[in-house]
C-alpha cells in the first residue's frame, strides 16, 4: 500500500459519487461543471463556512430541514454542500441524522445517505482498516445492491483498505458494466471516468500495473477539456494523475511516471501523495554508490 491514501479518497469519490447518484436524484447533486446555479449552496452558507461560523451553518441547515423534516433529498443536498467545502464533520453529522430520520424513505435514497456517511468516515478515520466507513458502504449496498454508485463506493473503500480485494474488484466491475449500459451522454462519460479510475486503482493495488495504466489513461481521456475549469474537477484530475503516476512508477516507466505526477502537482502544488510518489521516484533514479 502506498503512503497514507486516506486524505485523497473523499476528494475523488465524493464528486463522482454524486455524479452517479444524479441518475435517480436529479440535477441538484451534479458537480458544478454540469449543474444549474440553483444547486449551489446558499451564499450565507458559503460565507459562514469560509469563516468557520458553524453556528450559522447549522442554523441555515436546520431551518431548511424544518421545512422538509423527513426529506432525504434535503439531507443529501446538505451533505453535498458540506462535501464541496470538505467539511467532513458536517457531512457525517447530517448523513447520520438523515439515515435515522428518513428510515422509511425509499431504499435508494437511504443508500445515498450511507454513502455520504462512508465518504466522510473514510476522510476522518486514520486507523486501517477503516471499519466504520466499510460498514456504512456495506449498508448502502444492502439497501441498493444493483446501483453502480453503491457498488463502486464499497468496492473502492475495500480496495483502498486492502480488504477483500476479489470482492472489491467484482463490485467495481459490476458498477462499470452498469454504467456502460446507460444511454450515452457527457454525464455518462464522466460517470465512466470515475468508475474506471476505481477499477484502475484495484488493478494497481493487486500488482497488475500495465493493465492499471491502460484503464487509468482511458478514464482520464473521458473527461471533457473544460473539466479543469472547475475546482471540484481539478481535484479529481490531480488524484487521477497521481494514480496514473504511481502505476507508471511500479511498471518501471519512470519518465511517464514523472510526467503524470507533475501534472497532478500542477493541479495542486501542495498535494502530498503526489509529492511522496515523486520523492520515491527520485530515490529510484539516484545512481547507486560505487562499490570497492
Foldseek 3Di string as FASTA:
>chain_A
DAPDPLQLVLLALVQLLLLLLCVPLNQLSHPPVDGDPVNADDPQLVVCVVVVVVVSNCVVLVVVCVVVVLDLSSLLSQLSNCSVSPVLVSLLVSLVVNLVSNVVPQLQSNLVSLLSNLSSQSNPDPDAPSVSSLVSLVSSCVSPVQRLSSLQSNLLSCLSRVHPLVSSLVSLVSSLVVLVPDDDDLSSLLSNLSSLLSNLSSCVSVPVLVVSLVSLVSSVVSHDPCQLVGLSSLSNQLVSLLSNLLSCVSVVVLVSSVVSLVSSCVSPVPPVSSVVSVVVSVVVPDDDDDDD
